[in-house]
Amino acid sequence: MSFLGFGKPQPTSEEKLSAIEAEVKLMAQMHDRLTKACAKKCVPNDYREPDLNKGESVCLDRCAAKFFDVHMKVSELLQQQQGGSGFNLGG
């Protein structure tokens, strides 16, 4: 409930919990996509060693950095579009 009836009403505990659960689900999906994409690109299917070698480690590090960089840029663009058009995607 808002103070003296002004402003936006505060979200309920259920709404907060739902938003947190949705965010956790999105983060898990992003982690899954990152893991699959970078492993496919950087780690060969025929394992010759029990540990990652230097080249694989560097490749995975760069792949993850690029993945997060693109994710942040896309998120910023989507937020700009939402702000300019005045719609909200349920968040």
PDB file of N, CA and C in Angstrom:
ATOM      1  N   MET A   1       0.844  -1.161   0.000  1.00  0.00           N
ATOM      2  CA  MET A   1       0.000   0.000   0.000  1.00  0.00           C
ATOM      3  C   MET A   1       0.892   1.226   0.000  1.00  0.00           C
ATOM      4  N   SER A   2       0.508   2.250  -0.719  1.00  0.00           N
ATOM      5  CA  SER A   2       1.320   3.451  -0.807  1.00  0.00           C
ATOM      6  C   SER A   2       0.985   4.414   0.323  1.00  0.00           C
ATOM      7  N   PHE A   3       1.903   5.295   0.616  1.00  0.00           N
ATOM      8  CA  PHE A   3       1.749   6.277   1.683  1.00  0.00           C
ATOM      9  C   PHE A   3       0.694   7.305   1.299  1.00  0.00           C
ATOM     10  N   LEU A   4      -0.354   7.412   2.067  1.00  0.00           N
ATOM     11  CA  LEU A   4      -1.456   8.356   1.848  1.00  0.00           C
ATOM     12  C   LEU A   4      -2.128   8.199   0.489  1.00  0.00           C
ATOM     13  N   GLY A   5      -1.983   7.018  -0.101  1.00  0.00           N
ATOM     14  CA  GLY A   5      -2.662   6.754  -1.367  1.00  0.00           C
ATOM     15  C   GLY A   5      -1.963   7.326  -2.581  1.00  0.00           C
ATOM     16  N   PHE A   6      -0.751   7.880  -2.416  1.00  0.00           N
ATOM     17  CA  PHE A   6      -0.016   8.449  -3.551  1.00  0.00           C
ATOM     18  C   PHE A   6       1.044   7.467  -4.034  1.00  0.00           C
ATOM     19  N   GLY A   7       1.358   7.547  -5.307  1.00  0.00           N
ATOM     20  CA  GLY A   7       2.416   6.717  -5.857  1.00  0.00           C
ATOM     21  C   GLY A   7       1.941   5.312  -6.194  1.00  0.00           C
ATOM     22  N   LYS A   8       2.920   4.478  -6.553  1.00  0.00           N
ATOM     23  CA  LYS A   8       2.606   3.097  -6.909  1.00  0.00           C
ATOM     24  C   LYS A   8       2.401   2.270  -5.654  1.00  0.00           C
ATOM     25  N   PRO A   9       1.455   1.337  -5.692  1.00  0.00           N
ATOM     26  CA  PRO A   9       1.293   0.443  -4.543  1.00  0.00           C
ATOM     27  C   PRO A   9       2.501  -0.484  -4.438  1.00  0.00           C
ATOM     28  N   GLN A  10       2.857  -0.827  -3.214  1.00  0.00           N
ATOM     29  CA  GLN A  10       3.992  -1.710  -2.977  1.00  0.00           C
ATOM     30  C   GLN A  10       3.612  -3.147  -3.338  1.00  0.00           C
ATOM     31  N   PRO A  11       4.555  -3.890  -3.945  1.00  0.00           N
ATOM     32  CA  PRO A  11       4.254  -5.284  -4.278  1.00  0.00           C
ATOM     33  C   PRO A  11       4.072  -6.125  -3.019  1.00  0.00           C
ATOM     34  N   THR A  12       3.211  -7.118  -3.124  1.00  0.00           N
ATOM     35  CA  THR A  12       2.984  -8.016  -1.997  1.00  0.00           C
ATOM     36  C   THR A  12       4.147  -8.999  -1.882  1.00  0.00           C
ATOM     37  N   SER A  13       4.185  -9.728  -0.798  1.00  0.00           N
ATOM     38  CA  SER A  13       5.230 -10.732  -0.596  1.00  0.00           C
ATOM     39  C   SER A  13       5.173 -11.800  -1.679  1.00  0.00           C
ATOM     40  N   GLU A  14       3.960 -12.173  -2.081  1.00  0.00           N
ATOM     41  CA  GLU A  14       3.809 -13.178  -3.141  1.00  0.00           C
ATOM     42  C   GLU A  14       4.363 -12.656  -4.453  1.00  0.00           C
ATOM     43  N   GLU A  15       4.122 -11.378  -4.756  1.00  0.00           N
ATOM     44  CA  GLU A  15       4.631 -10.796  -5.996  1.00  0.00           C
ATOM     45  C   GLU A  15       6.152 -10.715  -5.964  1.00  0.00           C
ATOM     46  N   LYS A  16       6.712 -10.363  -4.814  1.00  0.00           N
ATOM     47  CA  LYS A  16       8.164 -10.309  -4.671  1.00  0.00           C
ATOM     48  C   LYS A  16       8.766 -11.693  -4.859  1.00  0.00           C
ATOM     49  N   LEU A  17       8.160 -12.689  -4.225  1.00  0.00           N
ATOM     50  CA  LEU A  17       8.643 -14.060  -4.335  1.00  0.00           C
ATOM     51  C   LEU A  17       8.559 -14.548  -5.781  1.00  0.00           C
ATOM     52  N   SER A  18       7.475 -14.235  -6.440  1.00  0.00           N
ATOM     53  CA  SER A  18       7.302 -14.627  -7.836  1.00  0.00           C
ATOM     54  C   SER A  18       8.368 -13.982  -8.716  1.00  0.00           C
ATOM     55  N   ALA A  19       8.663 -12.710  -8.478  1.00  0.00           N
ATOM     56  CA  ALA A  19       9.686 -12.014  -9.257  1.00  0.00           C
ATOM     57  C   ALA A  19      11.063 -12.628  -9.020  1.00  0.00           C
ATOM     58  N   ILE A  20      11.359 -12.985  -7.780  1.00  0.00           N
ATOM     59  CA  ILE A  20      12.647 -13.610  -7.456  1.00  0.00           C
ATOM     60  C   ILE A  20      12.758 -14.974  -8.130  1.00  0.00           C
ATOM     61  N   GLU A  21      11.681 -15.758  -8.075  1.00  0.00           N
ATOM     62  CA  GLU A  21      11.693 -17.078  -8.712  1.00  0.00           C
ATOM     63  C   GLU A  21      11.899 -16.956 -10.216  1.00  0.00           C
ATOM     64  N   ALA A  22      11.261 -15.967 -10.837  1.00  0.00           N
ATOM     65  CA  ALA A  22      11.423 -15.760 -12.281  1.00  0.00           C
ATOM     66  C   ALA A  22      12.866 -15.371 -12.602  1.00  0.00           C
ATOM     67  N   GLU A  23      13.461 -14.538 -11.763  1.00  0.00           N
ATOM     68  CA  GLU A  23      14.842 -14.122 -11.995  1.00  0.00           C
ATOM     69  C   GLU A  23      15.809 -15.291 -11.835  1.00  0.00           C
ATOM     70  N   VAL A  24      15.576 -16.129 -10.833  1.00  0.00           N
ATOM     71  CA  VAL A  24      16.426 -17.309 -10.640  1.00  0.00           C
ATOM     72  C   VAL A  24      16.305 -18.245 -11.838  1.00  0.00           C
ATOM     73  N   LYS A  25      15.091 -18.413 -12.339  1.00  0.00           N
ATOM     74  CA  LYS A  25      14.876 -19.274 -13.503  1.00  0.00           C
ATOM     75  C   LYS A  25      15.610 -18.721 -14.726  1.00  0.00           C
ATOM     76  N   LEU A  26      15.539 -17.416 -14.940  1.00  0.00           N
ATOM     77  CA  LEU A  26      16.238 -16.802 -16.070  1.00  0.00           C
ATOM     78  C   LEU A  26      17.749 -16.944 -15.936  1.00  0.00           C
ATOM     79  N   MET A  27      18.264 -16.770 -14.724  1.00  0.00           N
ATOM     80  CA  MET A  27      19.699 -16.923 -14.513  1.00  0.00           C
ATOM     81  C   MET A  27      20.145 -18.365 -14.761  1.00  0.00           C
ATOM     82  N   ALA A  28      19.339 -19.323 -14.352  1.00  0.00           N
ATOM     83  CA  ALA A  28      19.669 -20.731 -14.586  1.00  0.00           C
ATOM     84  C   ALA A  28      19.659 -21.046 -16.084  1.00  0.00           C
ATOM     85  N   GLN A  29      18.693 -20.495 -16.801  1.00  0.00           N
ATOM     86  CA  GLN A  29      18.635 -20.692 -18.248  1.00  0.00           C
ATOM     87  C   GLN A  29      19.843 -20.063 -18.936  1.00  0.00           C
ATOM     88  N   MET A  30      20.222 -18.850 -18.490  1.00  0.00           N
ATOM     89  CA  MET A  30      21.380 -18.187 -19.076  1.00  0.00           C
ATOM     90  C   MET A  30      22.647 -18.994 -18.808  1.00  0.00           C
ATOM     91  N   HIS A  31      22.800 -19.511 -17.591  1.00  0.00           N
ATOM     92  CA  HIS A  31      23.962 -20.337 -17.262  1.00  0.00           C
ATOM     93  C   HIS A  31      24.001 -21.582 -18.140  1.00  0.00           C
ATOM     94  N   ASP A  32      22.849 -22.192 -18.363  1.00  0.00           N
ATOM     95  CA  ASP A  32      22.776 -23.394 -19.196  1.00  0.00           C
ATOM     96  C   ASP A  32      23.191 -23.075 -20.634  1.00  0.00           C
ATOM     97  N   ARG A  33      22.687 -21.963 -21.180  1.00  0.00           N
ATOM     98  CA  ARG A  33      23.056 -21.578 -22.545  1.00  0.00           C
ATOM     99  C   ARG A  33      24.548 -21.274 -22.642  1.00  0.00           C
ATOM    100  N   LEU A  34      25.086 -20.556 -21.667  1.00  0.00           N
ATOM    101  CA  LEU A  34      26.509 -20.229 -21.656  1.00  0.00           C
ATOM    102  C   LEU A  34      27.347 -21.498 -21.605  1.00  0.00           C
ATOM    103  N   THR A  35      26.996 -22.406 -20.716  1.00  0.00           N
ATOM    104  CA  THR A  35      27.754 -23.646 -20.558  1.00  0.00           C
ATOM    105  C   THR A  35      27.753 -24.454 -21.853  1.00  0.00           C
ATOM    106  N   LYS A  36      26.583 -24.619 -22.455  1.00  0.00           N
ATOM    107  CA  LYS A  36      26.499 -25.406 -23.691  1.00  0.00           C
ATOM    108  C   LYS A  36      27.262 -24.746 -24.834  1.00  0.00           C
ATOM    109  N   ALA A  37      27.065 -23.439 -25.011  1.00  0.00           N
ATOM    110  CA  ALA A  37      27.699 -22.738 -26.131  1.00  0.00           C
ATOM    111  C   ALA A  37      29.214 -22.728 -26.000  1.00  0.00           C
ATOM    112  N   CYS A  38      29.713 -22.393 -24.821  1.00  0.00           N
ATOM    113  CA  CYS A  38      31.161 -22.290 -24.638  1.00  0.00           C
ATOM    114  C   CYS A  38      31.830 -23.663 -24.612  1.00  0.00           C
ATOM    115  N   ALA A  39      31.192 -24.651 -24.022  1.00  0.00           N
ATOM    116  CA  ALA A  39      31.775 -25.997 -24.017  1.00  0.00           C
ATOM    117  C   ALA A  39      31.842 -26.555 -25.431  1.00  0.00           C
ATOM    118  N   LYS A  40      30.798 -26.321 -26.213  1.00  0.00           N
ATOM    119  CA  LYS A  40      30.773 -26.797 -27.598  1.00  0.00           C
ATOM    120  C   LYS A  40      31.885 -26.141 -28.414  1.00  0.00           C
ATOM    121  N   LYS A  41      32.130 -24.862 -28.145  1.00  0.00           N
ATOM    122  CA  LYS A  41      33.135 -24.119 -28.893  1.00  0.00           C
ATOM    123  C   LYS A  41      34.559 -24.436 -28.435  1.00  0.00           C
ATOM    124  N   CYS A  42      34.762 -24.618 -27.137  1.00  0.00           N
ATOM    125  CA  CYS A  42      36.119 -24.641 -26.585  1.00  0.00           C
ATOM    126  C   CYS A  42      36.644 -26.007 -26.149  1.00  0.00           C
ATOM    127  N   VAL A  43      35.775 -26.950 -25.876  1.00  0.00           N
ATOM    128  CA  VAL A  43      36.222 -28.236 -25.343  1.00  0.00           C
ATOM    129  C   VAL A  43      35.922 -29.328 -26.369  1.00  0.00           C
ATOM    130  N   PRO A  44      36.958 -30.026 -26.827  1.00  0.00           N
ATOM    131  CA  PRO A  44      36.720 -31.085 -27.821  1.00  0.00           C
ATOM    132  C   PRO A  44      35.938 -32.252 -27.217  1.00  0.00           C
ATOM    133  N   ASN A  45      35.247 -32.972 -28.059  1.00  0.00           N
ATOM    134  CA  ASN A  45      34.422 -34.098 -27.600  1.00  0.00           C
ATOM    135  C   ASN A  45      35.261 -35.287 -27.134  1.00  0.00           C
ATOM    136  N   ASP A  46      36.468 -35.428 -27.673  1.00  0.00           N
ATOM    137  CA  ASP A  46      37.330 -36.541 -27.263  1.00  0.00           C
ATOM    138  C   ASP A  46      38.272 -36.056 -26.155  1.00  0.00           C
ATOM    139  N   TYR A  47      37.939 -36.410 -24.940  1.00  0.00           N
ATOM    140  CA  TYR A  47      38.716 -35.961 -23.787  1.00  0.00           C
ATOM    141  C   TYR A  47      40.027 -36.727 -23.737  1.00  0.00           C
ATOM    142  N   ARG A  48      41.132 -35.984 -23.781  1.00  0.00           N
ATOM    143  CA  ARG A  48      42.454 -36.609 -23.728  1.00  0.00           C
ATOM    144  C   ARG A  48      43.089 -36.449 -22.352  1.00  0.00           C
ATOM    145  N   GLU A  49      42.639 -35.444 -21.614  1.00  0.00           N
ATOM    146  CA  GLU A  49      43.213 -35.146 -20.306  1.00  0.00           C
ATOM    147  C   GLU A  49      42.081 -34.960 -19.299  1.00  0.00           C
ATOM    148  N   PRO A  50      42.333 -35.237 -18.029  1.00  0.00           N
ATOM    149  CA  PRO A  50      41.271 -35.070 -17.024  1.00  0.00           C
ATOM    150  C   PRO A  50      40.964 -33.595 -16.724  1.00  0.00           C
ATOM    151  N   ASP A  51      41.945 -32.709 -16.954  1.00  0.00           N
ATOM    152  CA  ASP A  51      41.753 -31.284 -16.686  1.00  0.00           C
ATOM    153  C   ASP A  51      41.783 -30.497 -17.988  1.00  0.00           C
ATOM    154  N   LEU A  52      41.250 -29.281 -17.932  1.00  0.00           N
ATOM    155  CA  LEU A  52      41.325 -28.406 -19.095  1.00  0.00           C
ATOM    156  C   LEU A  52      42.766 -27.981 -19.322  1.00  0.00           C
ATOM    157  N   ASN A  53      43.146 -27.900 -20.597  1.00  0.00           N
ATOM    158  CA  ASN A  53      44.478 -27.377 -20.874  1.00  0.00           C
ATOM    159  C   ASN A  53      44.410 -25.852 -20.950  1.00  0.00           C
ATOM    160  N   LYS A  54      45.559 -25.213 -21.105  1.00  0.00           N
ATOM    161  CA  LYS A  54      45.620 -23.748 -21.087  1.00  0.00           C
ATOM    162  C   LYS A  54      44.760 -23.138 -22.192  1.00  0.00           C
ATOM    163  N   GLY A  55      44.813 -23.686 -23.388  1.00  0.00           N
ATOM    164  CA  GLY A  55      44.041 -23.153 -24.514  1.00  0.00           C
ATOM    165  C   GLY A  55      42.543 -23.249 -24.276  1.00  0.00           C
ATOM    166  N   GLU A  56      42.107 -24.379 -23.742  1.00  0.00           N
ATOM    167  CA  GLU A  56      40.681 -24.547 -23.438  1.00  0.00           C
ATOM    168  C   GLU A  56      40.232 -23.573 -22.356  1.00  0.00           C
ATOM    169  N   SER A  57      41.052 -23.394 -21.337  1.00  0.00           N
ATOM    170  CA  SER A  57      40.717 -22.478 -20.246  1.00  0.00           C
ATOM    171  C   SER A  57      40.594 -21.043 -20.744  1.00  0.00           C
ATOM    172  N   VAL A  58      41.543 -20.623 -21.572  1.00  0.00           N
ATOM    173  CA  VAL A  58      41.512 -19.259 -22.114  1.00  0.00           C
ATOM    174  C   VAL A  58      40.288 -19.086 -23.010  1.00  0.00           C
ATOM    175  N   CYS A  59      40.003 -20.087 -23.833  1.00  0.00           N
ATOM    176  CA  CYS A  59      38.840 -20.033 -24.716  1.00  0.00           C
ATOM    177  C   CYS A  59      37.552 -19.912 -23.914  1.00  0.00           C
ATOM    178  N   LEU A  60      37.405 -20.724 -22.875  1.00  0.00           N
ATOM    179  CA  LEU A  60      36.201 -20.672 -22.042  1.00  0.00           C
ATOM    180  C   LEU A  60      36.059 -19.314 -21.349  1.00  0.00           C
ATOM    181  N   ASP A  61      37.181 -18.769 -20.870  1.00  0.00           N
ATOM    182  CA  ASP A  61      37.156 -17.475 -20.203  1.00  0.00           C
ATOM    183  C   ASP A  61      36.701 -16.381 -21.171  1.00  0.00           C
ATOM    184  N   ARG A  62      37.254 -16.361 -22.362  1.00  0.00           N
ATOM    185  CA  ARG A  62      36.885 -15.356 -23.354  1.00  0.00           C
ATOM    186  C   ARG A  62      35.441 -15.542 -23.819  1.00  0.00           C
ATOM    187  N   CYS A  63      35.045 -16.784 -24.003  1.00  0.00           N
ATOM    188  CA  CYS A  63      33.676 -17.070 -24.437  1.00  0.00           C
ATOM    189  C   CYS A  63      32.669 -16.576 -23.404  1.00  0.00           C
ATOM    190  N   ALA A  64      32.927 -16.855 -22.135  1.00  0.00           N
ATOM    191  CA  ALA A  64      32.018 -16.412 -21.077  1.00  0.00           C
ATOM    192  C   ALA A  64      31.974 -14.888 -21.002  1.00  0.00           C
ATOM    193  N   ALA A  65      33.128 -14.240 -21.149  1.00  0.00           N
ATOM    194  CA  ALA A  65      33.169 -12.772 -21.108  1.00  0.00           C
ATOM    195  C   ALA A  65      32.361 -12.176 -22.258  1.00  0.00           C
ATOM    196  N   LYS A  66      32.505 -12.730 -23.451  1.00  0.00           N
ATOM    197  CA  LYS A  66      31.739 -12.243 -24.602  1.00  0.00           C
ATOM    198  C   LYS A  66      30.243 -12.505 -24.419  1.00  0.00           C
ATOM    199  N   PHE A  67      29.913 -13.663 -23.882  1.00  0.00           N
ATOM    200  CA  PHE A  67      28.516 -14.011 -23.647  1.00  0.00           C
ATOM    201  C   PHE A  67      27.862 -12.992 -22.717  1.00  0.00           C
ATOM    202  N   PHE A  68      28.530 -12.671 -21.609  1.00  0.00           N
ATOM    203  CA  PHE A  68      27.980 -11.710 -20.651  1.00  0.00           C
ATOM    204  C   PHE A  68      27.943 -10.303 -21.231  1.00  0.00           C
ATOM    205  N   ASP A  69      28.952  -9.943 -22.029  1.00  0.00           N
ATOM    206  CA  ASP A  69      28.969  -8.625 -22.658  1.00  0.00           C
ATOM    207  C   ASP A  69      27.772  -8.466 -23.591  1.00  0.00           C
ATOM    208  N   VAL A  70      27.523  -9.458 -24.411  1.00  0.00           N
ATOM    209  CA  VAL A  70      26.377  -9.403 -25.320  1.00  0.00           C
ATOM    210  C   VAL A  70      25.071  -9.395 -24.532  1.00  0.00           C
ATOM    211  N   HIS A  71      24.994 -10.203 -23.476  1.00  0.00           N
ATOM    212  CA  HIS A  71      23.792 -10.246 -22.656  1.00  0.00           C
ATOM    213  C   HIS A  71      23.487  -8.869 -22.070  1.00  0.00           C
ATOM    214  N   MET A  72      24.506  -8.196 -21.558  1.00  0.00           N
ATOM    215  CA  MET A  72      24.307  -6.869 -20.966  1.00  0.00           C
ATOM    216  C   MET A  72      23.877  -5.851 -22.020  1.00  0.00           C
ATOM    217  N   LYS A  73      24.488  -5.891 -23.207  1.00  0.00           N
ATOM    218  CA  LYS A  73      24.123  -4.946 -24.267  1.00  0.00           C
ATOM    219  C   LYS A  73      22.687  -5.162 -24.728  1.00  0.00           C
ATOM    220  N   VAL A  74      22.289  -6.407 -24.889  1.00  0.00           N
ATOM    221  CA  VAL A  74      20.918  -6.711 -25.297  1.00  0.00           C
ATOM    222  C   VAL A  74      19.932  -6.271 -24.214  1.00  0.00           C
ATOM    223  N   SER A  75      20.272  -6.524 -22.957  1.00  0.00           N
ATOM    224  CA  SER A  75      19.403  -6.108 -21.846  1.00  0.00           C
ATOM    225  C   SER A  75      19.220  -4.595 -21.830  1.00  0.00           C
ATOM    226  N   GLU A  76      20.315  -3.855 -22.034  1.00  0.00           N
ATOM    227  CA  GLU A  76      20.227  -2.394 -22.064  1.00  0.00           C
ATOM    228  C   GLU A  76      19.341  -1.916 -23.203  1.00  0.00           C
ATOM    229  N   LEU A  77      19.494  -2.521 -24.385  1.00  0.00           N
ATOM    230  CA  LEU A  77      18.665  -2.134 -25.526  1.00  0.00           C
ATOM    231  C   LEU A  77      17.190  -2.421 -25.264  1.00  0.00           C
ATOM    232  N   LEU A  78      16.903  -3.573 -24.677  1.00  0.00           N
ATOM    233  CA  LEU A  78      15.512  -3.908 -24.371  1.00  0.00           C
ATOM    234  C   LEU A  78      14.920  -2.945 -23.348  1.00  0.00           C
ATOM    235  N   GLN A  79      15.705  -2.562 -22.350  1.00  0.00           N
ATOM    236  CA  GLN A  79      15.224  -1.611 -21.352  1.00  0.00           C
ATOM    237  C   GLN A  79      14.959  -0.252 -21.983  1.00  0.00           C
ATOM    238  N   GLN A  80      15.828   0.171 -22.914  1.00  0.00           N
ATOM    239  CA  GLN A  80      15.609   1.437 -23.606  1.00  0.00           C
ATOM    240  C   GLN A  80      14.328   1.388 -24.430  1.00  0.00           C
ATOM    241  N   GLN A  81      14.104   0.278 -25.117  1.00  0.00           N
ATOM    242  CA  GLN A  81      12.896   0.135 -25.926  1.00  0.00           C
ATOM    243  C   GLN A  81      11.654   0.122 -25.061  1.00  0.00           C
ATOM    244  N   GLN A  82      11.714  -0.559 -23.922  1.00  0.00           N
ATOM    245  CA  GLN A  82      10.561  -0.599 -23.020  1.00  0.00           C
ATOM    246  C   GLN A  82      10.277   0.787 -22.470  1.00  0.00           C
ATOM    247  N   GLY A  83      11.310   1.527 -22.124  1.00  0.00           N
ATOM    248  CA  GLY A  83      11.137   2.875 -21.595  1.00  0.00           C
ATOM    249  C   GLY A  83      10.562   3.819 -22.620  1.00  0.00           C
ATOM    250  N   GLY A  84      10.976   3.674 -23.863  1.00  0.00           N
ATOM    251  CA  GLY A  84      10.499   4.564 -24.917  1.00  0.00           C
ATOM    252  C   GLY A  84       9.103   4.255 -25.383  1.00  0.00           C
ATOM    253  N   SER A  85       8.701   3.003 -25.350  1.00  0.00           N
ATOM    254  CA  SER A  85       7.364   2.641 -25.847  1.00  0.00           C
ATOM    255  C   SER A  85       6.326   2.577 -24.761  1.00  0.00           C
ATOM    256  N   GLY A  86       6.773   2.555 -23.508  1.00  0.00           N
ATOM    257  CA  GLY A  86       5.821   2.583 -22.400  1.00  0.00           C
ATOM    258  C   GLY A  86       5.135   1.269 -22.111  1.00  0.00           C
ATOM    259  N   PHE A  87       5.724   0.144 -22.537  1.00  0.00           N
ATOM    260  CA  PHE A  87       5.141  -1.145 -22.177  1.00  0.00           C
ATOM    261  C   PHE A  87       6.086  -1.913 -21.297  1.00  0.00           C
ATOM    262  N   ASN A  88       5.534  -2.892 -20.607  1.00  0.00           N
ATOM    263  CA  ASN A  88       6.319  -3.681 -19.671  1.00  0.00           C
ATOM    264  C   ASN A  88       6.072  -5.147 -19.981  1.00  0.00           C
ATOM    265  N   LEU A  89       7.131  -5.944 -19.953  1.00  0.00           N
ATOM    266  CA  LEU A  89       6.997  -7.376 -20.276  1.00  0.00           C
ATOM    267  C   LEU A  89       6.695  -8.208 -19.043  1.00  0.00           C
ATOM    268  N   GLY A  90       5.897  -7.710 -18.161  1.00  0.00           N
ATOM    269  CA  GLY A  90       5.472  -8.489 -17.001  1.00  0.00           C
ATOM    270  C   GLY A  90       6.433  -8.438 -15.848  1.00  0.00           C
ATOM    271  N   GLY A  91       7.426  -7.552 -15.860  1.00  0.00           N
ATOM    272  CA  GLY A  91       8.406  -7.511 -14.785  1.00  0.00           C
ATOM    273  C   GLY A  91       8.139  -6.529 -13.750  1.00  0.00           C
TER     274      GLY A  91
END
